[in-house]
Protein backbone atom coordinates (compact mmCIF):
# COMPACT_ATOMS: atom_id res chain seq x y z
CA UNK A 1 16.80 87.69 19.99
CA UNK A 2 17.15 89.30 23.40
CA UNK A 3 15.36 88.63 26.66
CA UNK A 4 15.36 88.36 30.42
CA UNK A 5 14.07 84.77 30.48
CA UNK A 6 15.50 81.67 32.08
CA UNK A 7 18.78 80.32 30.78
CA UNK A 8 18.31 77.04 32.67
CA UNK A 9 14.72 75.87 32.51
CA UNK A 10 14.69 74.32 35.98
CA UNK A 11 16.44 77.20 37.75
CA UNK A 12 14.37 80.37 38.26
CA UNK A 13 17.47 82.18 39.54
CA UNK A 14 18.81 82.26 35.97
CA UNK A 15 16.17 84.81 34.88
CA UNK A 16 16.21 88.62 35.15
CA UNK A 17 19.50 89.03 33.33
CA UNK A 18 19.46 90.41 29.81
CA UNK A 19 20.95 87.98 27.31
CA UNK A 20 20.99 87.72 23.57
CA UNK A 21 21.47 84.89 21.13
CA UNK A 22 21.80 84.64 17.39
CA UNK A 23 19.03 82.75 15.62
CA UNK A 24 18.62 81.66 12.01
CA UNK A 25 15.38 81.52 10.04
CA UNK A 26 13.90 78.02 9.77
CA UNK A 27 10.76 79.01 7.84
CA UNK A 28 7.13 79.94 8.51
CA UNK A 29 4.44 78.28 10.60
CA UNK A 30 0.80 79.16 10.08
CA UNK A 31 -2.17 78.53 12.36
CA UNK A 32 -4.50 81.49 12.88
CA UNK A 33 -1.58 83.79 12.14
CA UNK A 34 1.80 83.30 10.53
CA UNK A 35 4.92 83.31 12.66
CA UNK A 36 8.53 83.02 11.61
CA UNK A 37 10.32 80.06 13.15
CA UNK A 38 13.96 80.44 14.12
CA UNK A 39 16.54 78.12 15.68
CA UNK A 40 19.95 78.60 17.21
CA UNK A 41 22.67 78.53 14.56
CA UNK A 42 24.77 75.78 16.18
CA UNK A 43 22.37 73.14 17.53
CA UNK A 44 19.53 73.86 15.05
CA UNK A 45 16.94 73.39 17.80
CA UNK A 46 17.79 69.77 18.51
CA UNK A 47 19.30 70.13 21.97
CA UNK A 48 18.64 72.34 25.00
CA UNK A 49 20.33 75.69 24.70
CA UNK A 50 19.82 78.86 22.73
CA UNK A 51 16.30 79.96 21.97
CA UNK A 52 13.39 81.40 23.90
CA UNK A 53 12.46 80.30 27.41
CA UNK A 54 10.10 81.41 30.19
CA UNK A 55 10.28 85.18 30.50
CA UNK A 56 11.40 85.85 26.92
CA UNK A 57 7.94 86.11 25.31
CA UNK A 58 7.19 89.65 24.23
CA UNK A 59 10.88 90.44 23.86
CA UNK A 60 12.52 91.87 20.76
CA UNK A 61 13.93 90.10 17.75
CA UNK A 62 16.51 92.37 16.17
CA UNK A 63 18.36 92.43 12.86
CA UNK A 64 21.64 94.15 12.07
CA UNK A 65 24.93 94.75 13.79
CA UNK A 66 25.30 96.24 17.25
CA UNK A 67 25.57 99.82 15.89
CA UNK A 68 22.37 99.69 13.85
CA UNK A 69 19.73 97.20 14.88
CA UNK A 70 16.15 97.12 13.63
CA UNK A 71 13.21 95.56 15.44
CA UNK A 72 11.78 92.90 13.12
CA UNK A 73 9.69 90.75 15.44
CA UNK A 74 8.42 89.84 18.88
CA UNK A 75 9.17 86.51 20.60
CA UNK A 76 5.96 84.47 20.87
CA UNK A 77 6.78 80.94 22.10
CA UNK A 78 9.28 78.11 21.92
CA UNK A 79 8.84 74.42 21.20
CA UNK A 80 11.49 72.97 23.45
CA UNK A 81 14.41 70.97 22.04
CA UNK A 82 13.55 68.48 19.33
CA UNK A 83 16.11 65.80 20.17
CA UNK A 84 15.47 64.94 23.81
CA UNK A 85 13.32 62.40 25.61
CA UNK A 86 12.51 64.79 28.44
CA UNK A 87 9.67 67.24 27.98
CA UNK A 88 11.19 70.73 27.87
CA UNK A 89 9.85 74.13 26.87
CA UNK A 90 13.05 76.12 26.39
CA UNK A 91 15.10 76.25 23.23
CA UNK A 92 14.16 74.36 20.11
CA UNK A 93 12.06 76.34 17.67
CA UNK A 94 11.45 79.96 18.65
CA UNK A 95 8.30 81.45 17.12
CA UNK A 96 8.54 85.11 16.18
CA UNK A 97 5.63 87.37 15.28
CA UNK A 98 6.88 89.70 12.52
CA UNK A 99 6.06 93.36 13.17
CA UNK A 100 5.87 94.33 9.49
CA UNK A 101 2.08 93.84 9.38
CA UNK A 102 1.65 95.82 12.62
CA UNK A 103 4.07 98.69 11.98
CA UNK A 104 1.36 101.36 11.41
CA UNK A 105 -0.46 100.40 14.62
CA UNK A 106 2.81 100.41 16.59
CA UNK A 107 3.79 103.83 15.24
CA UNK A 108 0.34 105.33 15.91
CA UNK A 109 0.18 103.86 19.42
CA UNK A 110 3.66 105.12 20.28
CA UNK A 111 2.71 108.62 19.09
CA UNK A 112 -0.42 108.58 21.30
CA UNK A 113 1.66 107.51 24.30
CA UNK A 114 4.23 110.23 23.67
CA UNK A 115 1.44 112.81 23.46
CA UNK A 116 0.44 111.94 27.03
CA UNK A 117 3.68 113.49 28.25
CA UNK A 118 6.21 112.16 30.74
CA UNK A 119 5.14 109.60 33.29
CA UNK A 120 5.21 110.49 36.99
CA UNK A 121 8.46 109.91 38.82
CA UNK A 122 8.80 106.99 41.19
CA UNK A 123 6.89 107.70 44.38
CA UNK A 124 4.71 110.43 42.85
CA UNK A 125 1.03 109.86 42.35
CA UNK A 126 -0.36 110.13 38.87
CA UNK A 127 -3.27 112.53 38.38
CA UNK A 128 -6.64 110.77 38.19
CA UNK A 129 -7.67 109.83 34.69
CA UNK A 130 -10.85 111.23 33.19
CA UNK A 131 -11.97 107.73 32.31
CA UNK A 132 -10.92 104.30 33.38
CA UNK A 133 -10.96 100.81 32.05
CA UNK A 134 -13.93 98.52 32.60
CA UNK A 135 -11.42 96.13 34.18
CA UNK A 136 -10.94 98.40 37.18
CA UNK A 137 -14.67 99.02 37.55
CA UNK A 138 -15.29 95.43 38.66
């Protein structure tokens, strides 16, 4: 797992630095969708430490060595450590949405984005779009 999230839950200055940690599969969890649950290899989710935190959601979960990594999932949420009396949100179980069921959509969407051409450079204005989202029409 890699992300720019907090490394110390109570210190916002620990975010915005790319970090990675090794997680191990702890099984599946199903509500409206199925997510893979992973924990840090050493503490097994029982103490604060490795695992997702604020700012990591949406980040990649990768498999393989540093020369050949594959994207296998997206970080969804974390439970907080299991063996602490204080309420925490970082570490513990990290829920991962597998991308295998969404691979066709991801590939098609990426192809459509690439077909749009390069994005404008910083400071340049983008040409007006022919249509716009209902969100901006409010």
